[in-house]
């Protein structure tokens, strides 16, 4: 089975324009994310899924500099963009990461993928997610191409569903099976916040970036198998 980490990225943001390329720890935020994902040493393919718009050309240029694949698709329909990216690169399983989560690393990906392979033997239309357990900004989701294809067939998808890739899956538990990981994690860590949405976020993440080893030690503990 072909597995890829697919990162949704675009530059327009009302609160922090160009946030995917702002500097954190001496490199663009998206570049930092790419470096951290490569630490997984799993050999998983990494694809950046951006839009066809000229405003997102700098993202395509960055992927070239980091030697990762780039897919350009629909600007606002993320379901369509991910489905087409998976079809184009013949991807069976996707790990969804967003560019505004630059501190996601390989340990988080490995944990979620491991759980996906275990649960996939038991049930179909599966979504494995860290949302609600891991701190905001350390979010990953894992699903397969069949689940996304089924999602595309739903006649009651709203514009909001299309813009927020997995929202419909969470809202329709009778159709999709959602597993939250890590299962051994204390709930207090969910109050932490590592996402990049505002200038205040950027200032905080730059400070965290100066002591990134401390965060990585915490992630290692959170994602350890017991």
N, C-alpha and C. Protein backbone atom coordinates (compact mmCIF):
# COMPACT_ATOMS: atom_id res chain seq x y z
N UNK A 1 0.84 -1.19 0.00
CA UNK A 1 0.00 0.00 0.00
C UNK A 1 0.88 1.24 0.00
N UNK A 2 0.55 2.18 -0.86
CA UNK A 2 1.30 3.43 -0.93
C UNK A 2 0.75 4.43 0.08
N UNK A 3 1.62 4.92 0.94
CA UNK A 3 1.23 5.89 1.96
C UNK A 3 2.00 7.18 1.74
N UNK A 4 1.32 8.30 1.93
CA UNK A 4 1.98 9.60 1.79
C UNK A 4 1.47 10.56 2.85
N UNK A 5 2.35 11.41 3.30
CA UNK A 5 1.97 12.55 4.13
C UNK A 5 1.59 13.67 3.16
N UNK A 6 0.36 14.14 3.25
CA UNK A 6 -0.11 15.20 2.35
C UNK A 6 -0.38 16.45 3.18
N UNK A 7 0.33 17.51 2.86
CA UNK A 7 0.25 18.76 3.61
C UNK A 7 -0.57 19.77 2.83
N UNK A 8 -1.66 20.24 3.42
CA UNK A 8 -2.46 21.29 2.80
C UNK A 8 -1.81 22.64 3.10
N UNK A 9 -1.56 23.43 2.05
CA UNK A 9 -0.89 24.72 2.25
C UNK A 9 -1.37 25.73 1.23
N UNK A 10 -1.62 26.94 1.70
CA UNK A 10 -1.87 28.08 0.82
C UNK A 10 -1.46 29.34 1.57
N UNK A 11 -1.26 30.43 0.84
CA UNK A 11 -0.66 31.61 1.44
C UNK A 11 -1.67 32.63 1.95
N UNK A 12 -2.88 32.65 1.41
CA UNK A 12 -3.81 33.68 1.86
C UNK A 12 -4.35 33.35 3.25
N UNK A 13 -4.28 34.32 4.12
CA UNK A 13 -4.80 34.21 5.48
C UNK A 13 -5.16 35.61 5.95
N UNK A 14 -6.38 35.78 6.42
CA UNK A 14 -6.82 37.11 6.83
C UNK A 14 -6.10 37.57 8.09
N UNK A 15 -5.74 36.62 8.96
CA UNK A 15 -5.12 37.01 10.23
C UNK A 15 -3.60 37.04 10.17
N UNK A 16 -3.00 36.21 9.31
CA UNK A 16 -1.54 36.19 9.19
C UNK A 16 -1.18 35.86 7.75
N UNK A 17 -1.22 36.86 6.86
CA UNK A 17 -0.95 36.62 5.44
C UNK A 17 0.42 35.97 5.22
N UNK A 18 0.46 34.99 4.31
CA UNK A 18 1.71 34.33 3.97
C UNK A 18 2.28 33.46 5.07
N UNK A 19 1.41 32.98 5.97
CA UNK A 19 1.91 32.31 7.18
C UNK A 19 2.73 31.06 6.89
N UNK A 20 2.49 30.40 5.78
CA UNK A 20 3.24 29.18 5.48
C UNK A 20 4.72 29.45 5.24
N UNK A 21 5.05 30.72 4.94
CA UNK A 21 6.44 31.05 4.61
C UNK A 21 7.09 31.97 5.63
N UNK A 22 6.41 32.28 6.74
CA UNK A 22 7.03 33.13 7.75
C UNK A 22 8.19 32.40 8.40
N UNK A 23 9.16 33.14 8.88
CA UNK A 23 10.38 32.56 9.42
C UNK A 23 10.17 32.04 10.84
N UNK A 24 10.54 30.78 11.04
CA UNK A 24 10.61 30.18 12.37
C UNK A 24 11.91 29.39 12.44
N UNK A 25 12.76 29.74 13.38
CA UNK A 25 14.04 29.03 13.56
C UNK A 25 14.90 29.07 12.30
N UNK A 26 14.84 30.19 11.59
CA UNK A 26 15.73 30.39 10.46
C UNK A 26 15.31 29.75 9.16
N UNK A 27 14.07 29.27 9.09
CA UNK A 27 13.57 28.73 7.82
C UNK A 27 12.07 28.99 7.73
N UNK A 28 11.49 28.88 6.52
CA UNK A 28 10.04 29.07 6.40
C UNK A 28 9.28 28.05 7.24
N UNK A 29 8.13 28.45 7.76
CA UNK A 29 7.34 27.54 8.60
C UNK A 29 7.09 26.21 7.90
N UNK A 30 6.73 26.27 6.62
CA UNK A 30 6.49 25.03 5.87
C UNK A 30 7.78 24.23 5.73
N UNK A 31 8.89 24.91 5.53
CA UNK A 31 10.17 24.22 5.45
C UNK A 31 10.53 23.52 6.75
N UNK A 32 10.25 24.18 7.87
CA UNK A 32 10.48 23.56 9.17
C UNK A 32 9.64 22.30 9.32
N UNK A 33 8.38 22.37 8.92
CA UNK A 33 7.51 21.20 8.99
C UNK A 33 8.05 20.06 8.14
N UNK A 34 8.49 20.37 6.93
CA UNK A 34 9.04 19.33 6.05
C UNK A 34 10.25 18.66 6.68
N UNK A 35 11.12 19.45 7.29
CA UNK A 35 12.30 18.89 7.93
C UNK A 35 11.91 17.97 9.09
N UNK A 36 10.93 18.39 9.86
CA UNK A 36 10.52 17.59 11.02
C UNK A 36 9.83 16.29 10.59
N UNK A 37 9.06 16.35 9.53
CA UNK A 37 8.41 15.13 9.04
C UNK A 37 9.42 14.14 8.49
N UNK A 38 10.48 14.64 7.91
CA UNK A 38 11.51 13.75 7.38
C UNK A 38 12.25 13.01 8.50
N UNK A 39 12.14 13.49 9.72
CA UNK A 39 12.79 12.83 10.84
C UNK A 39 12.19 11.45 11.12
N UNK A 40 11.03 11.18 10.52
CA UNK A 40 10.38 9.89 10.76
C UNK A 40 11.22 8.74 10.23
N UNK A 41 12.06 9.03 9.24
CA UNK A 41 12.95 8.02 8.66
C UNK A 41 12.19 6.79 8.18
N UNK A 42 10.94 6.99 7.83
CA UNK A 42 10.13 5.86 7.38
C UNK A 42 10.13 5.73 5.86
N UNK A 43 10.63 6.76 5.19
CA UNK A 43 10.63 6.75 3.74
C UNK A 43 9.30 7.10 3.13
N UNK A 44 8.33 7.53 3.97
CA UNK A 44 7.01 7.90 3.45
C UNK A 44 7.14 9.09 2.51
N UNK A 45 6.39 9.04 1.43
CA UNK A 45 6.39 10.16 0.49
C UNK A 45 5.72 11.37 1.13
N UNK A 46 6.23 12.55 0.82
CA UNK A 46 5.64 13.79 1.30
C UNK A 46 5.16 14.59 0.10
N UNK A 47 3.91 15.01 0.15
CA UNK A 47 3.30 15.79 -0.93
C UNK A 47 2.72 17.06 -0.33
N UNK A 48 3.02 18.19 -0.92
CA UNK A 48 2.39 19.45 -0.52
C UNK A 48 1.26 19.72 -1.50
N UNK A 49 0.04 19.83 -0.98
CA UNK A 49 -1.14 20.06 -1.82
C UNK A 49 -1.56 21.52 -1.69
N UNK A 50 -1.26 22.30 -2.71
CA UNK A 50 -1.62 23.72 -2.70
C UNK A 50 -2.60 23.99 -3.83
N UNK A 51 -2.80 25.25 -4.18
CA UNK A 51 -3.82 25.60 -5.16
C UNK A 51 -3.21 25.98 -6.50
N UNK A 52 -4.10 26.14 -7.49
CA UNK A 52 -3.67 26.55 -8.83
C UNK A 52 -3.35 28.04 -8.91
N UNK A 53 -3.68 28.81 -7.90
CA UNK A 53 -3.56 30.26 -7.98
C UNK A 53 -2.11 30.73 -8.01
N UNK A 54 -1.88 31.82 -8.73
CA UNK A 54 -0.53 32.38 -8.81
C UNK A 54 0.00 32.78 -7.44
N UNK A 55 -0.90 33.19 -6.56
CA UNK A 55 -0.47 33.61 -5.22
C UNK A 55 0.22 32.49 -4.46
N UNK A 56 -0.03 31.25 -4.87
CA UNK A 56 0.59 30.11 -4.19
C UNK A 56 1.80 29.55 -4.95
N UNK A 57 2.25 30.26 -5.97
CA UNK A 57 3.47 29.85 -6.68
C UNK A 57 4.67 29.72 -5.74
N UNK A 58 4.83 30.64 -4.75
CA UNK A 58 5.98 30.48 -3.84
C UNK A 58 5.99 29.17 -3.07
N UNK A 59 4.81 28.61 -2.81
CA UNK A 59 4.76 27.31 -2.14
C UNK A 59 5.31 26.23 -3.06
N UNK A 60 4.92 26.28 -4.33
CA UNK A 60 5.43 25.31 -5.29
C UNK A 60 6.95 25.42 -5.42
N UNK A 61 7.45 26.65 -5.39
CA UNK A 61 8.90 26.86 -5.47
C UNK A 61 9.60 26.27 -4.25
N UNK A 62 9.00 26.43 -3.09
CA UNK A 62 9.61 25.90 -1.87
C UNK A 62 9.68 24.37 -1.92
N UNK A 63 8.63 23.73 -2.42
CA UNK A 63 8.65 22.26 -2.50
C UNK A 63 9.79 21.78 -3.39
N UNK A 64 10.05 22.53 -4.45
CA UNK A 64 11.17 22.19 -5.34
C UNK A 64 12.49 22.29 -4.58
N UNK A 65 12.64 23.34 -3.78
CA UNK A 65 13.87 23.54 -3.02
C UNK A 65 14.07 22.45 -1.98
N UNK A 66 12.98 21.91 -1.45
CA UNK A 66 13.07 20.87 -0.43
C UNK A 66 12.94 19.46 -1.03
N UNK A 67 12.84 19.39 -2.34
CA UNK A 67 12.80 18.11 -3.05
C UNK A 67 11.64 17.23 -2.60
N UNK A 68 10.44 17.84 -2.51
CA UNK A 68 9.23 17.07 -2.23
C UNK A 68 8.22 17.32 -3.35
N UNK A 69 7.27 16.43 -3.47
CA UNK A 69 6.26 16.53 -4.52
C UNK A 69 5.28 17.66 -4.21
N UNK A 70 4.77 18.27 -5.27
CA UNK A 70 3.76 19.32 -5.13
C UNK A 70 2.57 18.99 -6.02
N UNK A 71 1.38 19.09 -5.45
CA UNK A 71 0.16 18.95 -6.24
C UNK A 71 -0.63 20.24 -6.13
N UNK A 72 -1.13 20.71 -7.28
CA UNK A 72 -1.89 21.96 -7.29
C UNK A 72 -3.31 21.67 -7.73
N UNK A 73 -4.27 22.09 -6.91
CA UNK A 73 -5.66 21.77 -7.19
C UNK A 73 -6.61 22.85 -6.76
N UNK A 74 -7.82 22.43 -6.43
CA UNK A 74 -8.91 23.33 -6.10
C UNK A 74 -8.55 24.24 -4.93
N UNK A 75 -8.93 25.51 -5.05
CA UNK A 75 -8.56 26.49 -4.03
C UNK A 75 -9.28 26.30 -2.71
N UNK A 76 -10.58 25.98 -2.77
CA UNK A 76 -11.38 25.95 -1.55
C UNK A 76 -12.00 24.59 -1.26
N UNK A 77 -12.06 23.71 -2.23
CA UNK A 77 -12.62 22.37 -2.02
C UNK A 77 -11.47 21.42 -1.68
N UNK A 78 -11.23 21.26 -0.39
CA UNK A 78 -10.09 20.46 0.04
C UNK A 78 -10.34 18.97 -0.17
N UNK A 79 -11.59 18.55 -0.13
CA UNK A 79 -11.91 17.15 -0.44
C UNK A 79 -11.46 16.83 -1.86
N UNK A 80 -11.80 17.70 -2.78
CA UNK A 80 -11.42 17.51 -4.18
C UNK A 80 -9.91 17.54 -4.34
N UNK A 81 -9.25 18.48 -3.66
CA UNK A 81 -7.79 18.60 -3.80
C UNK A 81 -7.08 17.36 -3.29
N UNK A 82 -7.50 16.85 -2.15
CA UNK A 82 -6.86 15.65 -1.60
C UNK A 82 -7.17 14.42 -2.44
N UNK A 83 -8.41 14.27 -2.86
CA UNK A 83 -8.78 13.11 -3.68
C UNK A 83 -7.99 13.08 -4.98
N UNK A 84 -7.87 14.23 -5.62
CA UNK A 84 -7.12 14.28 -6.88
C UNK A 84 -5.63 14.06 -6.66
N UNK A 85 -5.11 14.56 -5.55
CA UNK A 85 -3.70 14.33 -5.25
C UNK A 85 -3.44 12.84 -5.02
N UNK A 86 -4.33 12.18 -4.29
CA UNK A 86 -4.16 10.75 -4.04
C UNK A 86 -4.28 9.95 -5.32
N UNK A 87 -5.18 10.34 -6.20
CA UNK A 87 -5.32 9.66 -7.49
C UNK A 87 -4.09 9.89 -8.36
N UNK A 88 -3.63 11.12 -8.41
CA UNK A 88 -2.51 11.47 -9.29
C UNK A 88 -1.23 10.72 -8.89
N UNK A 89 -0.98 10.63 -7.60
CA UNK A 89 0.25 9.97 -7.13
C UNK A 89 0.01 8.51 -6.72
N UNK A 90 -1.21 8.00 -6.96
CA UNK A 90 -1.57 6.62 -6.64
C UNK A 90 -1.31 6.31 -5.17
N UNK A 91 -1.89 7.13 -4.30
CA UNK A 91 -1.74 6.99 -2.86
C UNK A 91 -2.95 6.26 -2.29
N UNK A 92 -2.69 5.22 -1.51
CA UNK A 92 -3.76 4.44 -0.88
C UNK A 92 -4.16 5.00 0.48
N UNK A 93 -3.16 5.46 1.24
CA UNK A 93 -3.39 5.96 2.60
C UNK A 93 -2.74 7.33 2.73
N UNK A 94 -3.50 8.29 3.26
CA UNK A 94 -2.99 9.65 3.42
C UNK A 94 -2.88 10.00 4.90
N UNK A 95 -1.78 10.64 5.25
CA UNK A 95 -1.64 11.28 6.55
C UNK A 95 -1.83 12.77 6.31
N UNK A 96 -2.91 13.30 6.82
CA UNK A 96 -3.21 14.71 6.58
C UNK A 96 -2.54 15.59 7.64
N UNK A 97 -1.74 16.54 7.17
CA UNK A 97 -1.11 17.54 8.02
C UNK A 97 -1.38 18.89 7.36
N UNK A 98 -1.48 19.95 8.16
CA UNK A 98 -1.67 21.28 7.58
C UNK A 98 -0.44 22.14 7.82
N UNK A 99 -0.20 23.08 6.92
CA UNK A 99 1.01 23.89 6.98
C UNK A 99 1.04 24.82 8.18
N UNK A 100 -0.12 25.04 8.81
CA UNK A 100 -0.12 25.90 10.00
C UNK A 100 0.17 25.12 11.28
N UNK A 101 0.68 23.91 11.12
CA UNK A 101 1.10 23.09 12.27
C UNK A 101 2.57 22.70 12.07
N UNK A 102 3.50 23.67 12.16
CA UNK A 102 4.89 23.40 11.78
C UNK A 102 5.67 22.52 12.74
N UNK A 103 5.11 22.22 13.92
CA UNK A 103 5.85 21.41 14.88
C UNK A 103 5.45 19.94 14.89
N UNK A 104 4.54 19.54 14.02
CA UNK A 104 4.25 18.11 13.86
C UNK A 104 5.54 17.39 13.47
N UNK A 105 5.79 16.22 14.05
CA UNK A 105 7.01 15.51 13.69
C UNK A 105 6.74 14.03 13.40
N UNK A 106 7.81 13.33 13.10
CA UNK A 106 7.69 11.94 12.66
C UNK A 106 7.11 11.01 13.71
N UNK A 107 7.36 11.28 15.00
CA UNK A 107 6.80 10.42 16.05
C UNK A 107 5.28 10.43 16.03
N UNK A 108 4.70 11.60 15.81
CA UNK A 108 3.24 11.71 15.77
C UNK A 108 2.69 10.94 14.57
N UNK A 109 3.35 11.09 13.43
CA UNK A 109 2.91 10.40 12.22
C UNK A 109 3.00 8.89 12.41
N UNK A 110 4.11 8.41 12.93
CA UNK A 110 4.28 6.96 13.11
C UNK A 110 3.21 6.38 14.03
N UNK A 111 2.92 7.09 15.12
CA UNK A 111 1.91 6.61 16.06
C UNK A 111 0.55 6.49 15.39
N UNK A 112 0.14 7.52 14.65
CA UNK A 112 -1.18 7.52 14.01
C UNK A 112 -1.26 6.45 12.92
N UNK A 113 -0.21 6.30 12.15
CA UNK A 113 -0.20 5.30 11.08
C UNK A 113 -0.24 3.89 11.67
N UNK A 114 0.50 3.69 12.73
CA UNK A 114 0.51 2.37 13.39
C UNK A 114 -0.91 1.99 13.83
N UNK A 115 -1.61 2.93 14.44
CA UNK A 115 -2.97 2.66 14.91
C UNK A 115 -3.91 2.44 13.73
N UNK A 116 -3.71 3.19 12.64
CA UNK A 116 -4.56 3.03 11.46
C UNK A 116 -4.44 1.61 10.91
N UNK A 117 -3.24 1.10 10.81
CA UNK A 117 -3.05 -0.25 10.26
C UNK A 117 -3.70 -1.31 11.16
N UNK A 118 -3.66 -1.09 12.47
CA UNK A 118 -4.29 -2.03 13.40
C UNK A 118 -5.81 -2.01 13.25
N UNK A 119 -6.38 -0.81 13.26
CA UNK A 119 -7.84 -0.68 13.24
C UNK A 119 -8.43 -0.97 11.87
N UNK A 120 -7.66 -0.76 10.82
CA UNK A 120 -8.17 -0.96 9.46
C UNK A 120 -8.52 -2.42 9.21
N UNK A 121 -7.91 -3.31 9.95
CA UNK A 121 -8.22 -4.73 9.82
C UNK A 121 -9.60 -5.05 10.39
N UNK A 122 -10.13 -4.16 11.22
CA UNK A 122 -11.39 -4.41 11.92
C UNK A 122 -12.57 -3.67 11.33
N UNK A 123 -12.33 -2.53 10.66
CA UNK A 123 -13.44 -1.70 10.22
C UNK A 123 -13.09 -0.87 8.99
N UNK A 124 -14.13 -0.49 8.26
CA UNK A 124 -13.97 0.31 7.05
C UNK A 124 -14.28 1.78 7.35
N UNK A 125 -14.03 2.63 6.35
CA UNK A 125 -14.29 4.08 6.48
C UNK A 125 -13.73 4.60 7.80
N UNK A 126 -12.45 4.44 7.93
CA UNK A 126 -11.76 4.72 9.19
C UNK A 126 -11.03 6.06 9.13
N UNK A 127 -11.14 6.82 10.20
CA UNK A 127 -10.38 8.05 10.39
C UNK A 127 -9.66 7.94 11.72
N UNK A 128 -8.33 7.95 11.68
CA UNK A 128 -7.54 7.99 12.91
C UNK A 128 -7.06 9.42 13.09
N UNK A 129 -7.30 9.97 14.26
CA UNK A 129 -7.02 11.39 14.49
C UNK A 129 -6.39 11.62 15.86
N UNK A 130 -5.59 12.67 15.96
CA UNK A 130 -5.04 13.09 17.25
C UNK A 130 -5.84 14.25 17.84
N UNK A 131 -6.83 14.75 17.12
CA UNK A 131 -7.59 15.92 17.57
C UNK A 131 -8.32 15.63 18.88
N UNK A 132 -8.24 16.59 19.80
CA UNK A 132 -8.90 16.44 21.08
C UNK A 132 -8.04 15.78 22.14
N UNK A 133 -6.91 15.19 21.72
CA UNK A 133 -6.00 14.55 22.66
C UNK A 133 -4.65 15.25 22.63
N UNK A 134 -4.00 15.24 21.49
CA UNK A 134 -2.75 15.98 21.35
C UNK A 134 -3.04 17.47 21.38
N UNK A 135 -2.06 18.28 21.76
CA UNK A 135 -2.27 19.73 21.77
C UNK A 135 -2.65 20.25 20.38
N UNK A 136 -3.44 21.31 20.35
CA UNK A 136 -3.80 21.94 19.09
C UNK A 136 -2.51 22.39 18.38
N UNK A 137 -2.38 22.04 17.12
CA UNK A 137 -1.18 22.37 16.37
C UNK A 137 -0.24 21.18 16.20
N UNK A 138 -0.56 20.07 16.87
CA UNK A 138 0.18 18.82 16.66
C UNK A 138 -0.77 17.79 16.08
N UNK A 139 -1.62 18.26 15.18
CA UNK A 139 -2.73 17.45 14.66
C UNK A 139 -2.33 16.68 13.40
N UNK A 140 -2.67 15.40 13.37
CA UNK A 140 -2.60 14.62 12.14
C UNK A 140 -3.86 13.77 12.04
N UNK A 141 -4.22 13.42 10.83
CA UNK A 141 -5.35 12.53 10.57
C UNK A 141 -4.93 11.53 9.50
N UNK A 142 -5.40 10.30 9.63
CA UNK A 142 -5.06 9.26 8.66
C UNK A 142 -6.35 8.64 8.13
N UNK A 143 -6.43 8.51 6.81
CA UNK A 143 -7.59 7.89 6.17
C UNK A 143 -7.14 7.28 4.85
N UNK A 144 -7.98 6.45 4.25
CA UNK A 144 -7.60 5.83 2.99
C UNK A 144 -8.40 6.40 1.82
N UNK A 145 -7.98 6.01 0.64
CA UNK A 145 -8.59 6.55 -0.58
C UNK A 145 -10.05 6.14 -0.70
N UNK A 146 -10.38 4.93 -0.25
CA UNK A 146 -11.76 4.47 -0.33
C UNK A 146 -12.69 5.34 0.52
N UNK A 147 -12.22 5.72 1.70
CA UNK A 147 -13.04 6.57 2.57
C UNK A 147 -13.27 7.94 1.94
N UNK A 148 -12.23 8.48 1.32
CA UNK A 148 -12.37 9.78 0.69
C UNK A 148 -13.28 9.70 -0.53
N UNK A 149 -13.19 8.60 -1.27
CA UNK A 149 -14.07 8.42 -2.43
C UNK A 149 -15.52 8.33 -1.99
N UNK A 150 -15.77 7.63 -0.88
CA UNK A 150 -17.13 7.56 -0.35
C UNK A 150 -17.61 8.94 0.09
N UNK A 151 -16.73 9.69 0.73
CA UNK A 151 -17.08 11.04 1.17
C UNK A 151 -17.51 11.90 -0.02
N UNK A 152 -16.83 11.76 -1.13
CA UNK A 152 -17.17 12.55 -2.32
C UNK A 152 -18.56 12.25 -2.86
N UNK A 153 -19.08 11.08 -2.58
CA UNK A 153 -20.39 10.70 -3.11
C UNK A 153 -21.55 11.27 -2.31
N UNK A 154 -21.28 11.83 -1.14
CA UNK A 154 -22.35 12.29 -0.27
C UNK A 154 -23.03 13.53 -0.86
N UNK A 155 -24.34 13.47 -0.96
CA UNK A 155 -25.10 14.56 -1.59
C UNK A 155 -25.34 15.74 -0.65
N UNK A 156 -25.10 15.54 0.64
CA UNK A 156 -25.37 16.60 1.61
C UNK A 156 -24.12 17.33 2.08
N UNK A 157 -23.05 17.27 1.29
CA UNK A 157 -21.84 18.02 1.61
C UNK A 157 -22.08 19.51 1.41
N UNK A 158 -21.74 20.30 2.40
CA UNK A 158 -21.86 21.75 2.30
C UNK A 158 -20.52 22.35 1.88
N UNK A 159 -20.51 23.64 1.58
CA UNK A 159 -19.25 24.32 1.27
C UNK A 159 -18.29 24.22 2.45
N UNK A 160 -18.83 24.29 3.64
CA UNK A 160 -17.99 24.17 4.83
C UNK A 160 -17.35 22.79 4.91
N UNK A 161 -18.11 21.76 4.59
CA UNK A 161 -17.54 20.41 4.57
C UNK A 161 -16.42 20.30 3.55
N UNK A 162 -16.60 20.92 2.41
CA UNK A 162 -15.60 20.82 1.35
C UNK A 162 -14.33 21.60 1.70
N UNK A 163 -14.50 22.68 2.43
CA UNK A 163 -13.34 23.48 2.82
C UNK A 163 -12.59 22.85 3.99
N UNK A 164 -13.33 22.15 4.86
CA UNK A 164 -12.73 21.51 6.03
C UNK A 164 -12.80 20.00 5.83
N UNK A 165 -11.74 19.46 5.32
CA UNK A 165 -11.66 18.13 4.72
C UNK A 165 -12.41 17.02 5.46
N UNK A 166 -12.18 16.90 6.75
CA UNK A 166 -12.71 15.74 7.49
C UNK A 166 -13.91 16.08 8.37
N UNK A 167 -14.40 17.30 8.31
CA UNK A 167 -15.50 17.72 9.18
C UNK A 167 -16.71 16.79 9.08
N UNK A 168 -17.07 16.42 7.86
CA UNK A 168 -18.23 15.55 7.64
C UNK A 168 -18.02 14.19 8.31
N UNK A 169 -16.80 13.69 8.29
CA UNK A 169 -16.51 12.39 8.90
C UNK A 169 -16.79 12.43 10.40
N UNK A 170 -16.40 13.51 11.05
CA UNK A 170 -16.65 13.64 12.49
C UNK A 170 -18.15 13.76 12.77
N UNK A 171 -18.86 14.44 11.90
CA UNK A 171 -20.28 14.71 12.13
C UNK A 171 -21.19 13.53 11.80
N UNK A 172 -20.67 12.54 11.09
CA UNK A 172 -21.50 11.40 10.68
C UNK A 172 -20.89 10.09 11.19
N UNK A 173 -20.92 9.87 12.50
CA UNK A 173 -20.31 8.65 13.06
C UNK A 173 -20.98 7.37 12.61
N UNK A 174 -22.21 7.47 12.10
CA UNK A 174 -22.87 6.26 11.59
C UNK A 174 -22.30 5.83 10.24
N UNK A 175 -21.54 6.73 9.60
CA UNK A 175 -20.94 6.43 8.30
C UNK A 175 -19.43 6.24 8.37
N UNK A 176 -18.78 6.92 9.31
CA UNK A 176 -17.33 6.86 9.43
C UNK A 176 -16.93 6.49 10.86
N UNK A 177 -15.92 5.65 10.96
CA UNK A 177 -15.42 5.21 12.26
C UNK A 177 -14.19 6.04 12.64
N UNK A 178 -14.30 6.79 13.72
CA UNK A 178 -13.21 7.66 14.15
C UNK A 178 -12.53 7.09 15.38
N UNK A 179 -11.21 6.96 15.30
CA UNK A 179 -10.39 6.49 16.41
C UNK A 179 -9.46 7.62 16.81
N UNK A 180 -9.44 7.94 18.10
CA UNK A 180 -8.60 9.03 18.59
C UNK A 180 -7.35 8.46 19.26
N UNK A 181 -6.20 9.02 18.94
CA UNK A 181 -4.92 8.60 19.51
C UNK A 181 -4.14 9.84 19.95
N UNK A 182 -3.18 9.65 20.87
CA UNK A 182 -2.78 8.40 21.53
C UNK A 182 -3.74 8.00 22.63
N UNK A 183 -3.93 6.71 22.79
CA UNK A 183 -4.90 6.21 23.75
C UNK A 183 -4.39 6.29 25.19
N UNK A 184 -3.07 6.40 25.34
CA UNK A 184 -2.48 6.39 26.69
C UNK A 184 -2.13 7.78 27.18
N UNK A 185 -2.66 8.83 26.54
CA UNK A 185 -2.21 10.19 26.80
C UNK A 185 -3.08 10.87 27.84
N UNK A 186 -2.48 11.63 28.73
CA UNK A 186 -3.23 12.40 29.71
C UNK A 186 -3.92 13.58 29.05
N UNK A 187 -5.15 13.85 29.44
CA UNK A 187 -5.96 14.86 28.76
C UNK A 187 -5.46 16.28 28.98
N UNK A 188 -4.66 16.54 30.02
CA UNK A 188 -4.27 17.91 30.31
C UNK A 188 -3.44 18.53 29.19
N UNK A 189 -2.78 17.71 28.39
CA UNK A 189 -1.92 18.30 27.36
C UNK A 189 -2.72 18.95 26.25
N UNK A 190 -4.02 18.67 26.16
CA UNK A 190 -4.81 19.24 25.08
C UNK A 190 -4.99 20.75 25.23
N UNK A 191 -4.63 21.31 26.40
CA UNK A 191 -4.74 22.75 26.60
C UNK A 191 -3.60 23.50 25.94
N UNK A 192 -2.56 22.82 25.52
CA UNK A 192 -1.43 23.46 24.84
C UNK A 192 -1.84 23.88 23.44
N UNK A 193 -1.07 24.80 22.85
CA UNK A 193 -1.45 25.38 21.57
C UNK A 193 -0.21 25.65 20.73
N UNK A 194 -0.09 24.94 19.59
CA UNK A 194 1.09 25.07 18.74
C UNK A 194 0.75 25.40 17.30
N UNK A 195 -0.46 25.88 17.05
CA UNK A 195 -0.85 26.19 15.68
C UNK A 195 -0.45 27.62 15.31
N UNK A 196 -0.36 27.89 14.01
CA UNK A 196 0.10 29.19 13.52
C UNK A 196 -1.04 29.89 12.78
N UNK A 197 -1.72 30.80 13.49
CA UNK A 197 -2.85 31.50 12.89
C UNK A 197 -2.73 33.02 12.98
N UNK A 198 -2.03 33.52 13.99
CA UNK A 198 -1.96 34.95 14.24
C UNK A 198 -0.52 35.37 14.51
N UNK A 199 -0.29 36.68 14.56
CA UNK A 199 1.03 37.19 14.90
C UNK A 199 1.42 36.77 16.31
N UNK A 200 0.46 36.73 17.20
CA UNK A 200 0.73 36.27 18.56
C UNK A 200 1.20 34.82 18.56
N UNK A 201 0.56 33.99 17.73
CA UNK A 201 1.00 32.60 17.59
C UNK A 201 2.44 32.54 17.09
N UNK A 202 2.73 33.35 16.08
CA UNK A 202 4.07 33.34 15.49
C UNK A 202 5.12 33.71 16.53
N UNK A 203 4.85 34.75 17.32
CA UNK A 203 5.80 35.15 18.36
C UNK A 203 6.03 34.01 19.34
N UNK A 204 4.96 33.31 19.72
CA UNK A 204 5.09 32.21 20.67
C UNK A 204 5.85 31.03 20.06
N UNK A 205 5.54 30.70 18.81
CA UNK A 205 6.20 29.56 18.17
C UNK A 205 7.68 29.83 17.95
N UNK A 206 8.03 31.09 17.70
CA UNK A 206 9.45 31.41 17.55
C UNK A 206 10.19 31.17 18.86
N UNK A 207 9.56 31.48 19.97
CA UNK A 207 10.18 31.21 21.28
C UNK A 207 10.29 29.71 21.53
N UNK A 208 9.25 28.97 21.19
CA UNK A 208 9.29 27.52 21.36
C UNK A 208 10.37 26.91 20.47
N UNK A 209 10.50 27.46 19.26
CA UNK A 209 11.50 26.95 18.32
C UNK A 209 12.92 27.04 18.84
N UNK A 210 13.16 27.97 19.77
CA UNK A 210 14.49 28.10 20.34
C UNK A 210 14.81 26.96 21.31
N UNK A 211 13.76 26.28 21.77
CA UNK A 211 13.94 25.15 22.70
C UNK A 211 13.15 23.95 22.19
N UNK A 212 13.30 23.66 20.91
CA UNK A 212 12.49 22.63 20.26
C UNK A 212 12.73 21.25 20.85
N UNK A 213 13.92 21.03 21.41
CA UNK A 213 14.21 19.72 21.98
C UNK A 213 13.26 19.39 23.14
N UNK A 214 12.87 20.42 23.89
CA UNK A 214 11.94 20.20 25.01
C UNK A 214 10.59 19.71 24.50
N UNK A 215 10.10 20.34 23.43
CA UNK A 215 8.84 19.91 22.82
C UNK A 215 8.96 18.49 22.29
N UNK A 216 10.06 18.19 21.62
CA UNK A 216 10.22 16.86 21.04
C UNK A 216 10.29 15.78 22.12
N UNK A 217 10.88 16.11 23.26
CA UNK A 217 10.89 15.16 24.37
C UNK A 217 9.47 14.87 24.84
N UNK A 218 8.64 15.93 24.92
CA UNK A 218 7.25 15.75 25.33
C UNK A 218 6.48 14.91 24.32
N UNK A 219 6.70 15.17 23.03
CA UNK A 219 6.03 14.40 21.98
C UNK A 219 6.43 12.93 22.06
N UNK A 220 7.70 12.69 22.33
CA UNK A 220 8.18 11.31 22.43
C UNK A 220 7.45 10.56 23.54
N UNK A 221 7.22 11.24 24.65
CA UNK A 221 6.49 10.62 25.76
C UNK A 221 5.03 10.41 25.40
N UNK A 222 4.41 11.42 24.78
CA UNK A 222 3.00 11.33 24.41
C UNK A 222 2.71 10.17 23.47
N UNK A 223 3.63 9.92 22.54
CA UNK A 223 3.37 8.97 21.46
C UNK A 223 3.95 7.59 21.72
N UNK A 224 4.59 7.41 22.87
CA UNK A 224 5.22 6.12 23.17
C UNK A 224 4.16 5.04 23.33
N UNK A 225 4.47 3.85 22.86
CA UNK A 225 3.57 2.70 23.00
C UNK A 225 3.74 2.08 24.37
N UNK A 226 2.62 1.86 25.05
CA UNK A 226 2.68 1.22 26.37
C UNK A 226 2.20 -0.21 26.28
